[in-house]
Amino acid sequence: MSLKILNDFYEYQKWLVDKISKFPRNQRYVLGSKIENHAYTILEKLITAQYQKNKLSLLHQINIDLEILRYYIRFCNDLNLLTIRSYEYSSKQLQGIGSQLGGWIKEQTKDA
C-alpha cells in the first residue's frame, strides 16, 4: 500500500513542479513556492511513515496536509493559474492519493 501512494505522490509532485514553473513570476515565487514546499513536506512525511512503527498520528497529519494542498490548488484554479484540464487532472490525482491514504489509515486503525 505505502509504496504505491509514495510513487503516485512522487509522480504528481513532478507534474506539479512543472506546472508551477509556468506560473507568472509574481505567483511563482509566492504561491508557487508555498505549494512546492508543502508538497515536499507531504512527500517527506510519506517516506517517514513507511518506516515508523506507530504511524497513525503521522498519517492523520498527512491527511490534513493533503487537504491544505487541495485548497492551494483550488486557489490556483480560481486565479486562473491552471487550465481547467490541469485542475481536473490535479483534483483526480489528489483524490486517488487521498483514497490510498484513507486505506492506509484504516489499515493502521485495524492493527492498533
PDB file of N, CA and C in Angstrom:
ATOM      1  N   MET A   1       0.832  -1.200   0.000  1.00  0.00           N
ATOM      2  CA  MET A   1       0.000   0.000   0.000  1.00  0.00           C
ATOM      3  C   MET A   1       0.870   1.255   0.000  1.00  0.00           C
ATOM      4  N   SER A   2       1.780   1.312   0.940  1.00  0.00           N
ATOM      5  CA  SER A   2       2.540   2.548   1.114  1.00  0.00           C
ATOM      6  C   SER A   2       3.419   2.862  -0.098  1.00  0.00           C
ATOM      7  N   LEU A   3       3.971   1.834  -0.743  1.00  0.00           N
ATOM      8  CA  LEU A   3       4.826   2.092  -1.891  1.00  0.00           C
ATOM      9  C   LEU A   3       4.045   2.729  -3.039  1.00  0.00           C
ATOM     10  N   LYS A   4       2.842   2.294  -3.294  1.00  0.00           N
ATOM     11  CA  LYS A   4       2.031   2.857  -4.375  1.00  0.00           C
ATOM     12  C   LYS A   4       1.685   4.312  -4.099  1.00  0.00           C
ATOM     13  N   ILE A   5       1.282   4.632  -2.882  1.00  0.00           N
ATOM     14  CA  ILE A   5       0.937   6.013  -2.571  1.00  0.00           C
ATOM     15  C   ILE A   5       2.169   6.907  -2.693  1.00  0.00           C
ATOM     16  N   LEU A   6       3.303   6.403  -2.275  1.00  0.00           N
ATOM     17  CA  LEU A   6       4.534   7.178  -2.370  1.00  0.00           C
ATOM     18  C   LEU A   6       4.889   7.440  -3.831  1.00  0.00           C
ATOM     19  N   ASN A   7       4.790   6.406  -4.651  1.00  0.00           N
ATOM     20  CA  ASN A   7       5.075   6.562  -6.072  1.00  0.00           C
ATOM     21  C   ASN A   7       4.075   7.504  -6.743  1.00  0.00           C
ATOM     22  N   ASP A   8       2.801   7.353  -6.436  1.00  0.00           N
ATOM     23  CA  ASP A   8       1.776   8.217  -7.037  1.00  0.00           C
ATOM     24  C   ASP A   8       1.981   9.673  -6.644  1.00  0.00           C
ATOM     25  N   PHE A   9       2.301   9.911  -5.363  1.00  0.00           N
ATOM     26  CA  PHE A   9       2.511  11.295  -4.944  1.00  0.00           C
ATOM     27  C   PHE A   9       3.775  11.854  -5.578  1.00  0.00           C
ATOM     28  N   TYR A  10       4.815  11.055  -5.697  1.00  0.00           N
ATOM     29  CA  TYR A  10       6.053  11.484  -6.339  1.00  0.00           C
ATOM     30  C   TYR A  10       5.786  11.917  -7.787  1.00  0.00           C
ATOM     31  N   GLU A  11       5.046  11.102  -8.513  1.00  0.00           N
ATOM     32  CA  GLU A  11       4.720  11.437  -9.908  1.00  0.00           C
ATOM     33  C   GLU A  11       3.856  12.706  -9.976  1.00  0.00           C
ATOM     34  N   TYR A  12       2.901  12.823  -9.055  1.00  0.00           N
ATOM     35  CA  TYR A  12       2.065  14.029  -9.002  1.00  0.00           C
ATOM     36  C   TYR A  12       2.924  15.249  -8.716  1.00  0.00           C
ATOM     37  N   GLN A  13       3.861  15.109  -7.805  1.00  0.00           N
ATOM     38  CA  GLN A  13       4.699  16.248  -7.453  1.00  0.00           C
ATOM     39  C   GLN A  13       5.572  16.687  -8.626  1.00  0.00           C
ATOM     40  N   LYS A  14       6.085  15.747  -9.407  1.00  0.00           N
ATOM     41  CA  LYS A  14       6.850  16.111 -10.609  1.00  0.00           C
ATOM     42  C   LYS A  14       5.974  16.935 -11.553  1.00  0.00           C
ATOM     43  N   TRP A  15       4.750  16.492 -11.741  1.00  0.00           N
ATOM     44  CA  TRP A  15       3.813  17.211 -12.599  1.00  0.00           C
ATOM     45  C   TRP A  15       3.554  18.606 -12.032  1.00  0.00           C
ATOM     46  N   LEU A  16       3.350  18.684 -10.727  1.00  0.00           N
ATOM     47  CA  LEU A  16       3.026  19.946 -10.063  1.00  0.00           C
ATOM     48  C   LEU A  16       4.171  20.947 -10.179  1.00  0.00           C
ATOM     49  N   VAL A  17       5.392  20.500  -9.960  1.00  0.00           N
ATOM     50  CA  VAL A  17       6.557  21.390 -10.059  1.00  0.00           C
ATOM     51  C   VAL A  17       6.658  21.968 -11.471  1.00  0.00           C
ATOM     52  N   ASP A  18       6.390  21.140 -12.474  1.00  0.00           N
ATOM     53  CA  ASP A  18       6.407  21.622 -13.859  1.00  0.00           C
ATOM     54  C   ASP A  18       5.339  22.694 -14.085  1.00  0.00           C
ATOM     55  N   LYS A  19       4.138  22.474 -13.564  1.00  0.00           N
ATOM     56  CA  LYS A  19       3.060  23.461 -13.720  1.00  0.00           C
ATOM     57  C   LYS A  19       3.402  24.767 -13.011  1.00  0.00           C
ATOM     58  N   ILE A  20       3.945  24.666 -11.810  1.00  0.00           N
ATOM     59  CA  ILE A  20       4.284  25.863 -11.037  1.00  0.00           C
ATOM     60  C   ILE A  20       5.367  26.673 -11.748  1.00  0.00           C
ATOM     61  N   SER A  21       6.272  26.000 -12.434  1.00  0.00           N
ATOM     62  CA  SER A  21       7.349  26.712 -13.139  1.00  0.00           C
ATOM     63  C   SER A  21       6.795  27.605 -14.251  1.00  0.00           C
ATOM     64  N   LYS A  22       5.548  27.380 -14.652  1.00  0.00           N
ATOM     65  CA  LYS A  22       4.927  28.173 -15.711  1.00  0.00           C
ATOM     66  C   LYS A  22       4.004  29.271 -15.182  1.00  0.00           C
ATOM     67  N   PHE A  23       3.899  29.372 -13.853  1.00  0.00           N
ATOM     68  CA  PHE A  23       3.096  30.450 -13.263  1.00  0.00           C
ATOM     69  C   PHE A  23       3.757  31.792 -13.587  1.00  0.00           C
ATOM     70  N   PRO A  24       2.974  32.855 -13.619  1.00  0.00           N
ATOM     71  CA  PRO A  24       3.579  34.187 -13.749  1.00  0.00           C
ATOM     72  C   PRO A  24       4.548  34.425 -12.584  1.00  0.00           C
ATOM     73  N   ARG A  25       5.581  35.219 -12.832  1.00  0.00           N
ATOM     74  CA  ARG A  25       6.644  35.413 -11.850  1.00  0.00           C
ATOM     75  C   ARG A  25       6.128  35.780 -10.465  1.00  0.00           C
ATOM     76  N   ASN A  26       5.184  36.719 -10.388  1.00  0.00           N
ATOM     77  CA  ASN A  26       4.705  37.152  -9.069  1.00  0.00           C
ATOM     78  C   ASN A  26       4.033  36.029  -8.288  1.00  0.00           C
ATOM     79  N   GLN A  27       3.381  35.111  -8.972  1.00  0.00           N
ATOM     80  CA  GLN A  27       2.728  33.983  -8.289  1.00  0.00           C
ATOM     81  C   GLN A  27       3.666  32.794  -8.111  1.00  0.00           C
ATOM     82  N   ARG A  28       4.625  32.672  -9.022  1.00  0.00           N
ATOM     83  CA  ARG A  28       5.562  31.539  -8.940  1.00  0.00           C
ATOM     84  C   ARG A  28       6.400  31.621  -7.666  1.00  0.00           C
ATOM     85  N   TYR A  29       6.797  32.820  -7.305  1.00  0.00           N
ATOM     86  CA  TYR A  29       7.701  32.959  -6.163  1.00  0.00           C
ATOM     87  C   TYR A  29       6.984  33.108  -4.835  1.00  0.00           C
ATOM     88  N   VAL A  30       5.702  33.324  -4.845  1.00  0.00           N
ATOM     89  CA  VAL A  30       4.970  33.421  -3.578  1.00  0.00           C
ATOM     90  C   VAL A  30       4.108  32.177  -3.425  1.00  0.00           C
ATOM     91  N   LEU A  31       3.016  32.111  -4.145  1.00  0.00           N
ATOM     92  CA  LEU A  31       2.103  30.975  -4.045  1.00  0.00           C
ATOM     93  C   LEU A  31       2.767  29.688  -4.531  1.00  0.00           C
ATOM     94  N   GLY A  32       3.469  29.758  -5.634  1.00  0.00           N
ATOM     95  CA  GLY A  32       4.125  28.573  -6.182  1.00  0.00           C
ATOM     96  C   GLY A  32       5.123  27.963  -5.217  1.00  0.00           C
ATOM     97  N   SER A  33       5.930  28.806  -4.593  1.00  0.00           N
ATOM     98  CA  SER A  33       6.911  28.311  -3.616  1.00  0.00           C
ATOM     99  C   SER A  33       6.218  27.682  -2.415  1.00  0.00           C
ATOM    100  N   LYS A  34       5.151  28.303  -1.980  1.00  0.00           N
ATOM    101  CA  LYS A  34       4.400  27.778  -0.834  1.00  0.00           C
ATOM    102  C   LYS A  34       3.849  26.378  -1.159  1.00  0.00           C
ATOM    103  N   ILE A  35       3.274  26.245  -2.345  1.00  0.00           N
ATOM    104  CA  ILE A  35       2.714  24.952  -2.758  1.00  0.00           C
ATOM    105  C   ILE A  35       3.824  23.899  -2.889  1.00  0.00           C
ATOM    106  N   GLU A  36       4.920  24.270  -3.540  1.00  0.00           N
ATOM    107  CA  GLU A  36       6.027  23.318  -3.706  1.00  0.00           C
ATOM    108  C   GLU A  36       6.555  22.856  -2.353  1.00  0.00           C
ATOM    109  N   ASN A  37       6.783  23.787  -1.452  1.00  0.00           N
ATOM    110  CA  ASN A  37       7.300  23.432  -0.128  1.00  0.00           C
ATOM    111  C   ASN A  37       6.326  22.527   0.619  1.00  0.00           C
ATOM    112  N   HIS A  38       5.033  22.812   0.479  1.00  0.00           N
ATOM    113  CA  HIS A  38       4.021  21.995   1.145  1.00  0.00           C
ATOM    114  C   HIS A  38       4.019  20.574   0.557  1.00  0.00           C
ATOM    115  N   ALA A  39       4.155  20.474  -0.755  1.00  0.00           N
ATOM    116  CA  ALA A  39       4.193  19.160  -1.406  1.00  0.00           C
ATOM    117  C   ALA A  39       5.448  18.394  -0.990  1.00  0.00           C
ATOM    118  N   TYR A  40       6.585  19.077  -0.878  1.00  0.00           N
ATOM    119  CA  TYR A  40       7.810  18.411  -0.423  1.00  0.00           C
ATOM    120  C   TYR A  40       7.628  17.871   0.992  1.00  0.00           C
ATOM    121  N   THR A  41       6.947  18.645   1.826  1.00  0.00           N
ATOM    122  CA  THR A  41       6.688  18.209   3.201  1.00  0.00           C
ATOM    123  C   THR A  41       5.836  16.942   3.218  1.00  0.00           C
ATOM    124  N   ILE A  42       4.811  16.907   2.373  1.00  0.00           N
ATOM    125  CA  ILE A  42       3.964  15.706   2.292  1.00  0.00           C
ATOM    126  C   ILE A  42       4.797  14.504   1.855  1.00  0.00           C
ATOM    127  N   LEU A  43       5.634  14.689   0.842  1.00  0.00           N
ATOM    128  CA  LEU A  43       6.484  13.594   0.365  1.00  0.00           C
ATOM    129  C   LEU A  43       7.392  13.095   1.487  1.00  0.00           C
ATOM    130  N   GLU A  44       7.999  14.021   2.220  1.00  0.00           N
ATOM    131  CA  GLU A  44       8.876  13.646   3.335  1.00  0.00           C
ATOM    132  C   GLU A  44       8.107  12.860   4.404  1.00  0.00           C
ATOM    133  N   LYS A  45       6.899  13.298   4.693  1.00  0.00           N
ATOM    134  CA  LYS A  45       6.101  12.603   5.709  1.00  0.00           C
ATOM    135  C   LYS A  45       5.671  11.220   5.233  1.00  0.00           C
ATOM    136  N   LEU A  46       5.365  11.076   3.945  1.00  0.00           N
ATOM    137  CA  LEU A  46       5.005   9.755   3.408  1.00  0.00           C
ATOM    138  C   LEU A  46       6.191   8.795   3.527  1.00  0.00           C
ATOM    139  N   ILE A  47       7.377   9.286   3.215  1.00  0.00           N
ATOM    140  CA  ILE A  47       8.580   8.452   3.323  1.00  0.00           C
ATOM    141  C   ILE A  47       8.798   8.060   4.786  1.00  0.00           C
ATOM    142  N   THR A  48       8.674   9.031   5.672  1.00  0.00           N
ATOM    143  CA  THR A  48       8.854   8.779   7.103  1.00  0.00           C
ATOM    144  C   THR A  48       7.843   7.761   7.609  1.00  0.00           C
ATOM    145  N   ALA A  49       6.598   7.901   7.183  1.00  0.00           N
ATOM    146  CA  ALA A  49       5.536   6.999   7.641  1.00  0.00           C
ATOM    147  C   ALA A  49       5.827   5.546   7.266  1.00  0.00           C
ATOM    148  N   GLN A  50       6.478   5.350   6.132  1.00  0.00           N
ATOM    149  CA  GLN A  50       6.810   3.990   5.710  1.00  0.00           C
ATOM    150  C   GLN A  50       7.671   3.270   6.739  1.00  0.00           C
ATOM    151  N   TYR A  51       8.510   4.022   7.412  1.00  0.00           N
ATOM    152  CA  TYR A  51       9.496   3.414   8.307  1.00  0.00           C
ATOM    153  C   TYR A  51       9.146   3.521   9.784  1.00  0.00           C
ATOM    154  N   GLN A  52       8.084   4.234  10.107  1.00  0.00           N
ATOM    155  CA  GLN A  52       7.697   4.364  11.509  1.00  0.00           C
ATOM    156  C   GLN A  52       6.847   3.183  11.942  1.00  0.00           C
ATOM    157  N   LYS A  53       7.057   2.784  13.186  1.00  0.00           N
ATOM    158  CA  LYS A  53       6.262   1.678  13.721  1.00  0.00           C
ATOM    159  C   LYS A  53       4.838   2.157  14.025  1.00  0.00           C
ATOM    160  N   ASN A  54       4.715   3.231  14.772  1.00  0.00           N
ATOM    161  CA  ASN A  54       3.408   3.809  15.108  1.00  0.00           C
ATOM    162  C   ASN A  54       3.164   5.003  14.194  1.00  0.00           C
ATOM    163  N   LYS A  55       2.512   4.765  13.082  1.00  0.00           N
ATOM    164  CA  LYS A  55       2.388   5.783  12.052  1.00  0.00           C
ATOM    165  C   LYS A  55       1.030   6.472  11.989  1.00  0.00           C
ATOM    166  N   LEU A  56       0.074   6.053  12.787  1.00  0.00           N
ATOM    167  CA  LEU A  56      -1.291   6.566  12.673  1.00  0.00           C
ATOM    168  C   LEU A  56      -1.360   8.088  12.835  1.00  0.00           C
ATOM    169  N   SER A  57      -0.686   8.616  13.829  1.00  0.00           N
ATOM    170  CA  SER A  57      -0.691  10.059  14.061  1.00  0.00           C
ATOM    171  C   SER A  57      -0.111  10.814  12.858  1.00  0.00           C
ATOM    172  N   LEU A  58       0.987  10.305  12.317  1.00  0.00           N
ATOM    173  CA  LEU A  58       1.613  10.934  11.151  1.00  0.00           C
ATOM    174  C   LEU A  58       0.704  10.847   9.929  1.00  0.00           C
ATOM    175  N   LEU A  59       0.033   9.729   9.754  1.00  0.00           N
ATOM    176  CA  LEU A  59      -0.880   9.580   8.617  1.00  0.00           C
ATOM    177  C   LEU A  59      -2.040  10.572   8.702  1.00  0.00           C
ATOM    178  N   HIS A  60      -2.534  10.809   9.911  1.00  0.00           N
ATOM    179  CA  HIS A  60      -3.592  11.811  10.078  1.00  0.00           C
ATOM    180  C   HIS A  60      -3.069  13.201   9.727  1.00  0.00           C
ATOM    181  N   GLN A  61      -1.827  13.494  10.078  1.00  0.00           N
ATOM    182  CA  GLN A  61      -1.238  14.787   9.735  1.00  0.00           C
ATOM    183  C   GLN A  61      -1.075  14.922   8.219  1.00  0.00           C
ATOM    184  N   ILE A  62      -0.663  13.849   7.573  1.00  0.00           N
ATOM    185  CA  ILE A  62      -0.533  13.862   6.110  1.00  0.00           C
ATOM    186  C   ILE A  62      -1.895  14.121   5.477  1.00  0.00           C
ATOM    187  N   ASN A  63      -2.938  13.541   6.051  1.00  0.00           N
ATOM    188  CA  ASN A  63      -4.291  13.753   5.540  1.00  0.00           C
ATOM    189  C   ASN A  63      -4.666  15.238   5.599  1.00  0.00           C
ATOM    190  N   ILE A  64      -4.324  15.885   6.690  1.00  0.00           N
ATOM    191  CA  ILE A  64      -4.585  17.325   6.822  1.00  0.00           C
ATOM    192  C   ILE A  64      -3.756  18.098   5.804  1.00  0.00           C
ATOM    193  N   ASP A  65      -2.483  17.726   5.671  1.00  0.00           N
ATOM    194  CA  ASP A  65      -1.607  18.398   4.703  1.00  0.00           C
ATOM    195  C   ASP A  65      -2.132  18.245   3.275  1.00  0.00           C
ATOM    196  N   LEU A  66      -2.666  17.081   2.971  1.00  0.00           N
ATOM    197  CA  LEU A  66      -3.234  16.842   1.642  1.00  0.00           C
ATOM    198  C   LEU A  66      -4.451  17.740   1.400  1.00  0.00           C
ATOM    199  N   GLU A  67      -5.268  17.915   2.423  1.00  0.00           N
ATOM    200  CA  GLU A  67      -6.435  18.793   2.300  1.00  0.00           C
ATOM    201  C   GLU A  67      -6.002  20.246   2.088  1.00  0.00           C
ATOM    202  N   ILE A  68      -4.969  20.669   2.792  1.00  0.00           N
ATOM    203  CA  ILE A  68      -4.436  22.020   2.588  1.00  0.00           C
ATOM    204  C   ILE A  68      -3.942  22.172   1.157  1.00  0.00           C
ATOM    205  N   LEU A  69      -3.248  21.161   0.635  1.00  0.00           N
ATOM    206  CA  LEU A  69      -2.773  21.205  -0.749  1.00  0.00           C
ATOM    207  C   LEU A  69      -3.940  21.322  -1.722  1.00  0.00           C
ATOM    208  N   ARG A  70      -5.028  20.612  -1.446  1.00  0.00           N
ATOM    209  CA  ARG A  70      -6.215  20.713  -2.312  1.00  0.00           C
ATOM    210  C   ARG A  70      -6.716  22.164  -2.385  1.00  0.00           C
ATOM    211  N   TYR A  71      -6.708  22.831  -1.245  1.00  0.00           N
ATOM    212  CA  TYR A  71      -7.154  24.222  -1.226  1.00  0.00           C
ATOM    213  C   TYR A  71      -6.191  25.146  -1.969  1.00  0.00           C
ATOM    214  N   TYR A  72      -4.899  24.887  -1.857  1.00  0.00           N
ATOM    215  CA  TYR A  72      -3.929  25.682  -2.628  1.00  0.00           C
ATOM    216  C   TYR A  72      -4.180  25.514  -4.125  1.00  0.00           C
ATOM    217  N   ILE A  73      -4.427  24.279  -4.537  1.00  0.00           N
ATOM    218  CA  ILE A  73      -4.660  24.005  -5.962  1.00  0.00           C
ATOM    219  C   ILE A  73      -5.968  24.660  -6.407  1.00  0.00           C
ATOM    220  N   ARG A  74      -6.966  24.601  -5.564  1.00  0.00           N
ATOM    221  CA  ARG A  74      -8.238  25.262  -5.874  1.00  0.00           C
ATOM    222  C   ARG A  74      -8.033  26.764  -6.032  1.00  0.00           C
ATOM    223  N   PHE A  75      -7.219  27.341  -5.164  1.00  0.00           N
ATOM    224  CA  PHE A  75      -6.906  28.766  -5.231  1.00  0.00           C
ATOM    225  C   PHE A  75      -6.197  29.093  -6.547  1.00  0.00           C
ATOM    226  N   CYS A  76      -5.280  28.217  -6.971  1.00  0.00           N
ATOM    227  CA  CYS A  76      -4.611  28.410  -8.261  1.00  0.00           C
ATOM    228  C   CYS A  76      -5.610  28.413  -9.407  1.00  0.00           C
ATOM    229  N   ASN A  77      -6.573  27.521  -9.330  1.00  0.00           N
ATOM    230  CA  ASN A  77      -7.604  27.477 -10.363  1.00  0.00           C
ATOM    231  C   ASN A  77      -8.424  28.767 -10.356  1.00  0.00           C
ATOM    232  N   ASP A  78      -8.792  29.233  -9.160  1.00  0.00           N
ATOM    233  CA  ASP A  78      -9.581  30.470  -9.057  1.00  0.00           C
ATOM    234  C   ASP A  78      -8.824  31.678  -9.586  1.00  0.00           C
ATOM    235  N   LEU A  79      -7.505  31.650  -9.494  1.00  0.00           N
ATOM    236  CA  LEU A  79      -6.672  32.746 -10.003  1.00  0.00           C
ATOM    237  C   LEU A  79      -6.291  32.534 -11.469  1.00  0.00           C
ATOM    238  N   ASN A  80      -6.850  31.497 -12.076  1.00  0.00           N
ATOM    239  CA  ASN A  80      -6.575  31.146 -13.474  1.00  0.00           C
ATOM    240  C   ASN A  80      -5.093  30.855 -13.731  1.00  0.00           C
ATOM    241  N   LEU A  81      -4.440  30.256 -12.746  1.00  0.00           N
ATOM    242  CA  LEU A  81      -3.047  29.864 -12.909  1.00  0.00           C
ATOM    243  C   LEU A  81      -2.939  28.464 -13.501  1.00  0.00           C
ATOM    244  N   LEU A  82      -4.035  27.722 -13.459  1.00  0.00           N
ATOM    245  CA  LEU A  82      -4.112  26.390 -14.047  1.00  0.00           C
ATOM    246  C   LEU A  82      -5.258  26.371 -15.054  1.00  0.00           C
ATOM    247  N   THR A  83      -5.082  25.608 -16.110  1.00  0.00           N
ATOM    248  CA  THR A  83      -6.189  25.412 -17.042  1.00  0.00           C
ATOM    249  C   THR A  83      -7.201  24.506 -16.362  1.00  0.00           C
ATOM    250  N   ILE A  84      -8.404  24.482 -16.847  1.00  0.00           N
ATOM    251  CA  ILE A  84      -9.433  23.616 -16.274  1.00  0.00           C
ATOM    252  C   ILE A  84      -9.000  22.152 -16.399  1.00  0.00           C
ATOM    253  N   ARG A  85      -8.346  21.826 -17.485  1.00  0.00           N
ATOM    254  CA  ARG A  85      -7.864  20.457 -17.699  1.00  0.00           C
ATOM    255  C   ARG A  85      -6.807  20.083 -16.646  1.00  0.00           C
ATOM    256  N   SER A  86      -5.898  21.018 -16.369  1.00  0.00           N
ATOM    257  CA  SER A  86      -4.879  20.772 -15.341  1.00  0.00           C
ATOM    258  C   SER A  86      -5.511  20.674 -13.961  1.00  0.00           C
ATOM    259  N   TYR A  87      -6.486  21.515 -13.706  1.00  0.00           N
ATOM    260  CA  TYR A  87      -7.171  21.471 -12.411  1.00  0.00           C
ATOM    261  C   TYR A  87      -7.900  20.140 -12.232  1.00  0.00           C
ATOM    262  N   GLU A  88      -8.560  19.667 -13.276  1.00  0.00           N
ATOM    263  CA  GLU A  88      -9.252  18.384 -13.213  1.00  0.00           C
ATOM    264  C   GLU A  88      -8.270  17.240 -12.979  1.00  0.00           C
ATOM    265  N   TYR A  89      -7.143  17.285 -13.687  1.00  0.00           N
ATOM    266  CA  TYR A  89      -6.121  16.253 -13.515  1.00  0.00           C
ATOM    267  C   TYR A  89      -5.616  16.249 -12.073  1.00  0.00           C
ATOM    268  N   SER A  90      -5.297  17.440 -11.578  1.00  0.00           N
ATOM    269  CA  SER A  90      -4.785  17.572 -10.218  1.00  0.00           C
ATOM    270  C   SER A  90      -5.793  17.063  -9.198  1.00  0.00           C
ATOM    271  N   SER A  91      -7.042  17.446  -9.363  1.00  0.00           N
ATOM    272  CA  SER A  91      -8.096  17.012  -8.445  1.00  0.00           C
ATOM    273  C   SER A  91      -8.230  15.491  -8.440  1.00  0.00           C
ATOM    274  N   LYS A  92      -8.165  14.907  -9.633  1.00  0.00           N
ATOM    275  CA  LYS A  92      -8.283  13.452  -9.760  1.00  0.00           C
ATOM    276  C   LYS A  92      -7.103  12.757  -9.075  1.00  0.00           C
ATOM    277  N   GLN A  93      -5.910  13.277  -9.282  1.00  0.00           N
ATOM    278  CA  GLN A  93      -4.729  12.676  -8.663  1.00  0.00           C
ATOM    279  C   GLN A  93      -4.789  12.781  -7.143  1.00  0.00           C
ATOM    280  N   LEU A  94      -5.142  13.962  -6.648  1.00  0.00           N
ATOM    281  CA  LEU A  94      -5.226  14.153  -5.199  1.00  0.00           C
ATOM    282  C   LEU A  94      -6.330  13.302  -4.584  1.00  0.00           C
ATOM    283  N   GLN A  95      -7.409  13.106  -5.325  1.00  0.00           N
ATOM    284  CA  GLN A  95      -8.490  12.230  -4.835  1.00  0.00           C
ATOM    285  C   GLN A  95      -7.990  10.795  -4.708  1.00  0.00           C
ATOM    286  N   GLY A  96      -7.270  10.332  -5.712  1.00  0.00           N
ATOM    287  CA  GLY A  96      -6.729   8.972  -5.671  1.00  0.00           C
ATOM    288  C   GLY A  96      -5.715   8.792  -4.550  1.00  0.00           C
ATOM    289  N   ILE A  97      -4.848   9.765  -4.371  1.00  0.00           N
ATOM    290  CA  ILE A  97      -3.854   9.710  -3.304  1.00  0.00           C
ATOM    291  C   ILE A  97      -4.555   9.754  -1.947  1.00  0.00           C
ATOM    292  N   GLY A  98      -5.571  10.582  -1.834  1.00  0.00           N
ATOM    293  CA  GLY A  98      -6.343  10.670  -0.597  1.00  0.00           C
ATOM    294  C   GLY A  98      -7.050   9.363  -0.275  1.00  0.00           C
ATOM    295  N   SER A  99      -7.559   8.696  -1.289  1.00  0.00           N
ATOM    296  CA  SER A  99      -8.211   7.399  -1.072  1.00  0.00           C
ATOM    297  C   SER A  99      -7.214   6.358  -0.586  1.00  0.00           C
ATOM    298  N   GLN A 100      -6.029   6.353  -1.192  1.00  0.00           N
ATOM    299  CA  GLN A 100      -4.989   5.425  -0.751  1.00  0.00           C
ATOM    300  C   GLN A 100      -4.580   5.721   0.694  1.00  0.00           C
ATOM    301  N   LEU A 101      -4.466   6.995   1.005  1.00  0.00           N
ATOM    302  CA  LEU A 101      -4.114   7.387   2.368  1.00  0.00           C
ATOM    303  C   LEU A 101      -5.198   6.957   3.346  1.00  0.00           C
ATOM    304  N   GLY A 102      -6.451   7.135   2.963  1.00  0.00           N
ATOM    305  CA  GLY A 102      -7.563   6.694   3.801  1.00  0.00           C
ATOM    306  C   GLY A 102      -7.508   5.193   4.056  1.00  0.00           C
ATOM    307  N   GLY A 103      -7.153   4.432   3.030  1.00  0.00           N
ATOM    308  CA  GLY A 103      -6.996   2.985   3.186  1.00  0.00           C
ATOM    309  C   GLY A 103      -5.856   2.641   4.126  1.00  0.00           C
ATOM    310  N   TRP A 104      -4.778   3.381   4.026  1.00  0.00           N
ATOM    311  CA  TRP A 104      -3.620   3.152   4.889  1.00  0.00           C
ATOM    312  C   TRP A 104      -3.977   3.461   6.341  1.00  0.00           C
ATOM    313  N   ILE A 105      -4.717   4.555   6.535  1.00  0.00           N
ATOM    314  CA  ILE A 105      -5.168   4.926   7.888  1.00  0.00           C
ATOM    315  C   ILE A 105      -6.083   3.836   8.440  1.00  0.00           C
ATOM    316  N   LYS A 106      -7.007   3.366   7.618  1.00  0.00           N
ATOM    317  CA  LYS A 106      -7.942   2.315   8.055  1.00  0.00           C
ATOM    318  C   LYS A 106      -7.188   1.044   8.436  1.00  0.00           C
ATOM    319  N   GLU A 107      -6.208   0.703   7.631  1.00  0.00           N
ATOM    320  CA  GLU A 107      -5.388  -0.485   7.905  1.00  0.00           C
ATOM    321  C   GLU A 107      -4.640  -0.333   9.231  1.00  0.00           C
ATOM    322  N   GLN A 108      -4.101   0.862   9.477  1.00  0.00           N
ATOM    323  CA  GLN A 108      -3.357   1.105  10.719  1.00  0.00           C
ATOM    324  C   GLN A 108      -4.292   1.121  11.932  1.00  0.00           C
ATOM    325  N   THR A 109      -5.512   1.600  11.726  1.00  0.00           N
ATOM    326  CA  THR A 109      -6.500   1.662  12.814  1.00  0.00           C
ATOM    327  C   THR A 109      -6.895   0.241  13.222  1.00  0.00           C
ATOM    328  N   LYS A 110      -7.020  -0.642  12.234  1.00  0.00           N
ATOM    329  CA  LYS A 110      -7.344  -2.048  12.489  1.00  0.00           C
ATOM    330  C   LYS A 110      -6.257  -2.713  13.322  1.00  0.00           C
ATOM    331  N   ASP A 111      -5.008  -2.407  12.969  1.00  0.00           N
ATOM    332  CA  ASP A 111      -3.871  -3.035  13.626  1.00  0.00           C
ATOM    333  C   ASP A 111      -3.600  -2.469  15.022  1.00  0.00           C
ATOM    334  N   ALA A 112      -4.140  -1.284  15.299  1.00  0.00           N
ATOM    335  CA  ALA A 112      -3.840  -0.635  16.590  1.00  0.00           C
ATOM    336  C   ALA A 112      -4.596  -1.245  17.742  1.00  0.00           C
TER     337      ALA A 112
END
